[in-house]
PDB file of N, CA and C in Angstrom:
ATOM      1  N   UNK A   1       0.838  -1.176   0.000  1.00  0.00           N
ATOM      2  CA  UNK A   1       0.000   0.000   0.000  1.00  0.00           C
ATOM      3  C   UNK A   1       0.890   1.249   0.000  1.00  0.00           C
ATOM      4  N   UNK A   2       0.575   2.178  -0.862  1.00  0.00           N
ATOM      5  CA  UNK A   2       1.332   3.424  -0.946  1.00  0.00           C
ATOM      6  C   UNK A   2       0.555   4.508  -0.226  1.00  0.00           C
ATOM      7  N   UNK A   3       1.239   5.282   0.579  1.00  0.00           N
ATOM      8  CA  UNK A   3       0.629   6.395   1.298  1.00  0.00           C
ATOM      9  C   UNK A   3       1.634   7.524   1.430  1.00  0.00           C
ATOM     10  N   UNK A   4       1.229   8.589   2.072  1.00  0.00           N
ATOM     11  CA  UNK A   4       2.103   9.733   2.269  1.00  0.00           C
ATOM     12  C   UNK A   4       3.149   9.381   3.333  1.00  0.00           C
ATOM     13  N   UNK A   5       4.396   9.570   3.001  1.00  0.00           N
ATOM     14  CA  UNK A   5       5.486   9.371   3.949  1.00  0.00           C
ATOM     15  C   UNK A   5       5.717  10.645   4.758  1.00  0.00           C
ATOM     16  N   UNK A   6       5.860  11.761   4.023  1.00  0.00           N
ATOM     17  CA  UNK A   6       6.109  13.043   4.675  1.00  0.00           C
ATOM     18  C   UNK A   6       5.893  14.169   3.667  1.00  0.00           C
ATOM     19  N   UNK A   7       6.097  15.394   4.119  1.00  0.00           N
ATOM     20  CA  UNK A   7       5.993  16.566   3.263  1.00  0.00           C
ATOM     21  C   UNK A   7       7.327  17.284   3.232  1.00  0.00           C
ATOM     22  N   UNK A   8       7.649  17.854   2.072  1.00  0.00           N
ATOM     23  CA  UNK A   8       8.823  18.707   1.908  1.00  0.00           C
ATOM     24  C   UNK A   8       8.350  20.131   1.700  1.00  0.00           C
ATOM     25  N   UNK A   9       9.166  21.090   2.076  1.00  0.00           N
ATOM     26  CA  UNK A   9       8.817  22.485   1.842  1.00  0.00           C
ATOM     27  C   UNK A   9      10.071  23.255   1.427  1.00  0.00           C
ATOM     28  N   UNK A  10       9.838  24.400   0.792  1.00  0.00           N
ATOM     29  CA  UNK A  10      10.949  25.274   0.428  1.00  0.00           C
ATOM     30  C   UNK A  10      10.444  26.706   0.307  1.00  0.00           C
ATOM     31  N   UNK A  11      11.362  27.619   0.438  1.00  0.00           N
ATOM     32  CA  UNK A  11      11.058  29.040   0.368  1.00  0.00           C
ATOM     33  C   UNK A  11      11.888  29.665  -0.747  1.00  0.00           C
ATOM     34  N   UNK A  12      11.228  30.425  -1.611  1.00  0.00           N
ATOM     35  CA  UNK A  12      11.891  31.175  -2.681  1.00  0.00           C
ATOM     36  C   UNK A  12      12.817  30.316  -3.537  1.00  0.00           C
ATOM     37  N   UNK A  13      12.318  29.146  -3.961  1.00  0.00           N
ATOM     38  CA  UNK A  13      13.058  28.227  -4.829  1.00  0.00           C
ATOM     39  C   UNK A  13      14.357  27.731  -4.224  1.00  0.00           C
ATOM     40  N   UNK A  14      14.435  27.743  -2.885  1.00  0.00           N
ATOM     41  CA  UNK A  14      15.612  27.214  -2.194  1.00  0.00           C
ATOM     42  C   UNK A  14      15.590  25.698  -2.201  1.00  0.00           C
ATOM     43  N   UNK A  15      16.380  25.115  -1.364  1.00  0.00           N
ATOM     44  CA  UNK A  15      16.483  23.664  -1.253  1.00  0.00           C
ATOM     45  C   UNK A  15      15.245  23.098  -0.562  1.00  0.00           C
ATOM     46  N   UNK A  16      14.734  21.983  -1.095  1.00  0.00           N
ATOM     47  CA  UNK A  16      13.623  21.291  -0.437  1.00  0.00           C
ATOM     48  C   UNK A  16      14.129  20.712   0.868  1.00  0.00           C
ATOM     49  N   UNK A  17      13.328  20.798   1.927  1.00  0.00           N
ATOM     50  CA  UNK A  17      13.676  20.178   3.198  1.00  0.00           C
ATOM     51  C   UNK A  17      12.434  19.509   3.780  1.00  0.00           C
ATOM     52  N   UNK A  18      12.659  18.450   4.529  1.00  0.00           N
ATOM     53  CA  UNK A  18      11.546  17.707   5.117  1.00  0.00           C
ATOM     54  C   UNK A  18      10.907  18.507   6.233  1.00  0.00           C
ATOM     55  N   UNK A  19       9.583  18.468   6.261  1.00  0.00           N
ATOM     56  CA  UNK A  19       8.838  19.111   7.340  1.00  0.00           C
ATOM     57  C   UNK A  19       9.066  18.313   8.621  1.00  0.00           C
ATOM     58  N   UNK A  20       9.048  18.991   9.738  1.00  0.00           N
ATOM     59  CA  UNK A  20       9.147  18.336  11.043  1.00  0.00           C
ATOM     60  C   UNK A  20       7.765  17.792  11.397  1.00  0.00           C
ATOM     61  N   UNK A  21       7.722  16.574  11.885  1.00  0.00           N
ATOM     62  CA  UNK A  21       6.453  15.981  12.285  1.00  0.00           C
ATOM     63  C   UNK A  21       6.306  16.100  13.795  1.00  0.00           C
ATOM     64  N   UNK A  22       5.219  16.719  14.202  1.00  0.00           N
ATOM     65  CA  UNK A  22       4.889  16.883  15.613  1.00  0.00           C
ATOM     66  C   UNK A  22       3.562  16.186  15.868  1.00  0.00           C
ATOM     67  N   UNK A  23       3.243  15.965  17.116  1.00  0.00           N
ATOM     68  CA  UNK A  23       1.933  15.419  17.471  1.00  0.00           C
ATOM     69  C   UNK A  23       1.202  16.425  18.349  1.00  0.00           C
ATOM     70  N   UNK A  24      -0.088  16.594  18.051  1.00  0.00           N
ATOM     71  CA  UNK A  24      -0.880  17.494  18.889  1.00  0.00           C
ATOM     72  C   UNK A  24      -1.328  16.749  20.152  1.00  0.00           C
ATOM     73  N   UNK A  25      -2.092  17.409  20.971  1.00  0.00           N
ATOM     74  CA  UNK A  25      -2.498  16.852  22.261  1.00  0.00           C
ATOM     75  C   UNK A  25      -3.307  15.559  22.125  1.00  0.00           C
ATOM     76  N   UNK A  26      -3.998  15.382  20.994  1.00  0.00           N
ATOM     77  CA  UNK A  26      -4.786  14.164  20.804  1.00  0.00           C
ATOM     78  C   UNK A  26      -4.008  13.073  20.057  1.00  0.00           C
ATOM     79  N   UNK A  27      -2.727  13.342  19.742  1.00  0.00           N
ATOM     80  CA  UNK A  27      -1.907  12.343  19.066  1.00  0.00           C
ATOM     81  C   UNK A  27      -1.901  12.453  17.554  1.00  0.00           C
ATOM     82  N   UNK A  28      -2.669  13.395  17.013  1.00  0.00           N
ATOM     83  CA  UNK A  28      -2.676  13.604  15.560  1.00  0.00           C
ATOM     84  C   UNK A  28      -1.330  14.154  15.111  1.00  0.00           C
ATOM     85  N   UNK A  29      -0.817  13.624  13.994  1.00  0.00           N
ATOM     86  CA  UNK A  29       0.461  14.101  13.469  1.00  0.00           C
ATOM     87  C   UNK A  29       0.263  15.413  12.707  1.00  0.00           C
ATOM     88  N   UNK A  30       1.169  16.342  12.936  1.00  0.00           N
ATOM     89  CA  UNK A  30       1.152  17.648  12.271  1.00  0.00           C
ATOM     90  C   UNK A  30       2.514  17.848  11.627  1.00  0.00           C
ATOM     91  N   UNK A  31       2.516  18.207  10.338  1.00  0.00           N
ATOM     92  CA  UNK A  31       3.763  18.510   9.649  1.00  0.00           C
ATOM     93  C   UNK A  31       3.992  20.011   9.725  1.00  0.00           C
ATOM     94  N   UNK A  32       5.228  20.400  10.065  1.00  0.00           N
ATOM     95  CA  UNK A  32       5.507  21.789  10.342  1.00  0.00           C
ATOM     96  C   UNK A  32       6.802  22.230   9.661  1.00  0.00           C
ATOM     97  N   UNK A  33       6.723  23.290   8.872  1.00  0.00           N
ATOM     98  CA  UNK A  33       7.905  23.947   8.308  1.00  0.00           C
ATOM     99  C   UNK A  33       7.950  25.355   8.874  1.00  0.00           C
ATOM    100  N   UNK A  34       9.101  25.766   9.348  1.00  0.00           N
ATOM    101  CA  UNK A  34       9.230  27.093   9.926  1.00  0.00           C
ATOM    102  C   UNK A  34      10.372  27.839   9.257  1.00  0.00           C
ATOM    103  N   UNK A  35      10.093  29.042   8.835  1.00  0.00           N
ATOM    104  CA  UNK A  35      11.114  29.937   8.285  1.00  0.00           C
ATOM    105  C   UNK A  35      11.058  31.227   9.087  1.00  0.00           C
ATOM    106  N   UNK A  36      12.167  31.634   9.636  1.00  0.00           N
ATOM    107  CA  UNK A  36      12.218  32.884  10.391  1.00  0.00           C
ATOM    108  C   UNK A  36      13.183  33.849   9.704  1.00  0.00           C
ATOM    109  N   UNK A  37      13.037  35.105  10.014  1.00  0.00           N
ATOM    110  CA  UNK A  37      13.953  36.101   9.465  1.00  0.00           C
ATOM    111  C   UNK A  37      13.681  36.471   8.023  1.00  0.00           C
ATOM    112  N   UNK A  38      12.482  36.214   7.521  1.00  0.00           N
ATOM    113  CA  UNK A  38      12.140  36.594   6.153  1.00  0.00           C
ATOM    114  C   UNK A  38      11.812  38.085   6.168  1.00  0.00           C
ATOM    115  N   UNK A  39      12.767  38.905   5.742  1.00  0.00           N
ATOM    116  CA  UNK A  39      12.609  40.354   5.828  1.00  0.00           C
ATOM    117  C   UNK A  39      12.832  41.069   4.505  1.00  0.00           C
ATOM    118  N   UNK A  40      13.407  40.385   3.539  1.00  0.00           N
ATOM    119  CA  UNK A  40      13.749  41.059   2.284  1.00  0.00           C
ATOM    120  C   UNK A  40      12.500  41.542   1.567  1.00  0.00           C
ATOM    121  N   UNK A  41      12.458  42.840   1.220  1.00  0.00           N
ATOM    122  CA  UNK A  41      11.312  43.355   0.459  1.00  0.00           C
ATOM    123  C   UNK A  41      11.192  42.629  -0.877  1.00  0.00           C
ATOM    124  N   UNK A  42       9.965  42.505  -1.352  1.00  0.00           N
ATOM    125  CA  UNK A  42       9.694  41.863  -2.638  1.00  0.00           C
ATOM    126  C   UNK A  42       8.829  40.642  -2.485  1.00  0.00           C
ATOM    127  N   UNK A  43       8.679  39.920  -3.583  1.00  0.00           N
ATOM    128  CA  UNK A  43       7.826  38.731  -3.625  1.00  0.00           C
ATOM    129  C   UNK A  43       8.538  37.529  -3.030  1.00  0.00           C
ATOM    130  N   UNK A  44       7.763  36.693  -2.332  1.00  0.00           N
ATOM    131  CA  UNK A  44       8.279  35.462  -1.752  1.00  0.00           C
ATOM    132  C   UNK A  44       7.306  34.339  -2.077  1.00  0.00           C
ATOM    133  N   UNK A  45       7.856  33.123  -2.226  1.00  0.00           N
ATOM    134  CA  UNK A  45       7.043  31.967  -2.592  1.00  0.00           C
ATOM    135  C   UNK A  45       7.362  30.804  -1.649  1.00  0.00           C
ATOM    136  N   UNK A  46       6.321  30.268  -1.011  1.00  0.00           N
ATOM    137  CA  UNK A  46       6.438  29.112  -0.133  1.00  0.00           C
ATOM    138  C   UNK A  46       5.764  27.945  -0.839  1.00  0.00           C
ATOM    139  N   UNK A  47       6.445  26.786  -0.924  1.00  0.00           N
ATOM    140  CA  UNK A  47       5.894  25.608  -1.597  1.00  0.00           C
ATOM    141  C   UNK A  47       5.933  24.396  -0.666  1.00  0.00           C
ATOM    142  N   UNK A  48       4.945  23.521  -0.838  1.00  0.00           N
ATOM    143  CA  UNK A  48       4.863  22.271  -0.076  1.00  0.00           C
ATOM    144  C   UNK A  48       4.518  21.142  -1.043  1.00  0.00           C
ATOM    145  N   UNK A  49       5.231  20.018  -0.912  1.00  0.00           N
ATOM    146  CA  UNK A  49       4.923  18.852  -1.749  1.00  0.00           C
ATOM    147  C   UNK A  49       4.878  17.600  -0.888  1.00  0.00           C
ATOM    148  N   UNK A  50       4.058  16.668  -1.293  1.00  0.00           N
ATOM    149  CA  UNK A  50       3.956  15.384  -0.606  1.00  0.00           C
ATOM    150  C   UNK A  50       4.987  14.422  -1.191  1.00  0.00           C
ATOM    151  N   UNK A  51       5.499  13.549  -0.335  1.00  0.00           N
ATOM    152  CA  UNK A  51       6.405  12.474  -0.746  1.00  0.00           C
ATOM    153  C   UNK A  51       5.773  11.177  -0.249  1.00  0.00           C
ATOM    154  N   UNK A  52       5.564  10.224  -1.169  1.00  0.00           N
ATOM    155  CA  UNK A  52       4.902   8.983  -0.749  1.00  0.00           C
ATOM    156  C   UNK A  52       5.913   7.969  -0.223  1.00  0.00           C
ATOM    157  N   UNK A  53       5.409   6.847   0.260  1.00  0.00           N
ATOM    158  CA  UNK A  53       6.261   5.826   0.875  1.00  0.00           C
ATOM    159  C   UNK A  53       7.200   5.149  -0.122  1.00  0.00           C
ATOM    160  N   UNK A  54       6.968   5.340  -1.425  1.00  0.00           N
ATOM    161  CA  UNK A  54       7.874   4.821  -2.456  1.00  0.00           C
ATOM    162  C   UNK A  54       8.901   5.856  -2.885  1.00  0.00           C
ATOM    163  N   UNK A  55       8.835   7.069  -2.302  1.00  0.00           N
ATOM    164  CA  UNK A  55       9.793   8.122  -2.637  1.00  0.00           C
ATOM    165  C   UNK A  55       9.366   9.025  -3.771  1.00  0.00           C
ATOM    166  N   UNK A  56       8.153   8.813  -4.322  1.00  0.00           N
ATOM    167  CA  UNK A  56       7.661   9.685  -5.389  1.00  0.00           C
ATOM    168  C   UNK A  56       7.310  11.058  -4.811  1.00  0.00           C
ATOM    169  N   UNK A  57       7.699  12.104  -5.535  1.00  0.00           N
ATOM    170  CA  UNK A  57       7.459  13.471  -5.074  1.00  0.00           C
ATOM    171  C   UNK A  57       6.419  14.145  -5.953  1.00  0.00           C
ATOM    172  N   UNK A  58       5.516  14.870  -5.325  1.00  0.00           N
ATOM    173  CA  UNK A  58       4.457  15.591  -6.035  1.00  0.00           C
ATOM    174  C   UNK A  58       5.089  16.529  -7.064  1.00  0.00           C
ATOM    175  N   UNK A  59       4.765  16.357  -8.362  1.00  0.00           N
ATOM    176  CA  UNK A  59       5.363  17.202  -9.404  1.00  0.00           C
ATOM    177  C   UNK A  59       4.761  18.614  -9.468  1.00  0.00           C
ATOM    178  N   UNK A  60       3.643  18.839  -8.797  1.00  0.00           N
ATOM    179  CA  UNK A  60       3.012  20.169  -8.827  1.00  0.00           C
ATOM    180  C   UNK A  60       2.674  20.599  -7.391  1.00  0.00           C
ATOM    181  N   UNK A  61       3.697  21.031  -6.642  1.00  0.00           N
ATOM    182  CA  UNK A  61       3.469  21.363  -5.230  1.00  0.00           C
ATOM    183  C   UNK A  61       2.530  22.551  -5.040  1.00  0.00           C
ATOM    184  N   UNK A  62       1.855  22.564  -3.904  1.00  0.00           N
ATOM    185  CA  UNK A  62       1.025  23.709  -3.530  1.00  0.00           C
ATOM    186  C   UNK A  62       1.953  24.879  -3.229  1.00  0.00           C
ATOM    187  N   UNK A  63       1.491  26.095  -3.557  1.00  0.00           N
ATOM    188  CA  UNK A  63       2.343  27.252  -3.299  1.00  0.00           C
ATOM    189  C   UNK A  63       1.518  28.427  -2.792  1.00  0.00           C
ATOM    190  N   UNK A  64       2.205  29.309  -2.093  1.00  0.00           N
ATOM    191  CA  UNK A  64       1.605  30.529  -1.570  1.00  0.00           C
ATOM    192  C   UNK A  64       2.608  31.653  -1.780  1.00  0.00           C
ATOM    193  N   UNK A  65       2.182  32.718  -2.461  1.00  0.00           N
ATOM    194  CA  UNK A  65       3.056  33.861  -2.710  1.00  0.00           C
ATOM    195  C   UNK A  65       2.565  35.071  -1.927  1.00  0.00           C
ATOM    196  N   UNK A  66       3.505  35.881  -1.448  1.00  0.00           N
ATOM    197  CA  UNK A  66       3.172  37.139  -0.780  1.00  0.00           C
ATOM    198  C   UNK A  66       4.272  38.146  -1.057  1.00  0.00           C
ATOM    199  N   UNK A  67       3.987  39.398  -0.761  1.00  0.00           N
ATOM    200  CA  UNK A  67       4.917  40.481  -1.019  1.00  0.00           C
ATOM    201  C   UNK A  67       5.207  41.229   0.279  1.00  0.00           C
ATOM    202  N   UNK A  68       6.476  41.513   0.524  1.00  0.00           N
ATOM    203  CA  UNK A  68       6.876  42.323   1.666  1.00  0.00           C
ATOM    204  C   UNK A  68       7.270  43.697   1.127  1.00  0.00           C
ATOM    205  N   UNK A  69       6.612  44.730   1.633  1.00  0.00           N
ATOM    206  CA  UNK A  69       6.948  46.094   1.233  1.00  0.00           C
ATOM    207  C   UNK A  69       8.022  46.645   2.158  1.00  0.00           C
ATOM    208  N   UNK A  70       8.897  47.462   1.596  1.00  0.00           N
ATOM    209  CA  UNK A  70       9.880  48.141   2.436  1.00  0.00           C
ATOM    210  C   UNK A  70       9.140  49.175   3.272  1.00  0.00           C
ATOM    211  N   UNK A  71       9.674  49.554   4.435  1.00  0.00           N
ATOM    212  CA  UNK A  71       9.008  50.577   5.255  1.00  0.00           C
ATOM    213  C   UNK A  71       8.767  51.889   4.494  1.00  0.00           C
ATOM    214  N   UNK A  72       9.672  52.246   3.608  1.00  0.00           N
ATOM    215  CA  UNK A  72       9.528  53.478   2.825  1.00  0.00           C
ATOM    216  C   UNK A  72       8.336  53.356   1.888  1.00  0.00           C
ATOM    217  N   UNK A  73       8.223  52.217   1.178  1.00  0.00           N
ATOM    218  CA  UNK A  73       7.098  52.020   0.251  1.00  0.00           C
ATOM    219  C   UNK A  73       5.776  51.883   1.001  1.00  0.00           C
ATOM    220  N   UNK A  74       5.783  51.220   2.149  1.00  0.00           N
ATOM    221  CA  UNK A  74       4.566  51.014   2.914  1.00  0.00           C
ATOM    222  C   UNK A  74       4.009  52.340   3.446  1.00  0.00           C
ATOM    223  N   UNK A  75       4.884  53.283   3.753  1.00  0.00           N
ATOM    224  CA  UNK A  75       4.413  54.560   4.290  1.00  0.00           C
ATOM    225  C   UNK A  75       3.779  55.446   3.230  1.00  0.00           C
ATOM    226  N   UNK A  76       3.940  55.088   1.953  1.00  0.00           N
ATOM    227  CA  UNK A  76       3.355  55.861   0.840  1.00  0.00           C
ATOM    228  C   UNK A  76       1.888  55.515   0.632  1.00  0.00           C
ATOM    229  N   UNK A  77       1.426  54.404   1.205  1.00  0.00           N
ATOM    230  CA  UNK A  77       0.038  53.958   0.982  1.00  0.00           C
ATOM    231  C   UNK A  77      -0.945  54.772   1.719  1.00  0.00           C
TER     232      UNK A  77
END
């Protein structure tokens, strides 16, 4: 039987890394990727892909894009 082994994530087309697996209070597994210090103004892209127990990786990962404005640009709004 093939199932999800884990999830990989990456930020701004960087290196894929495995999500950390945690358990909540009821024992449910939660996959967690954490990126800190994201301060550079401009567009950023976060992607997540599933990896199955056979090692196959999702060819079309989910993604989320956002933009960070510099303090100078933000004050113009």
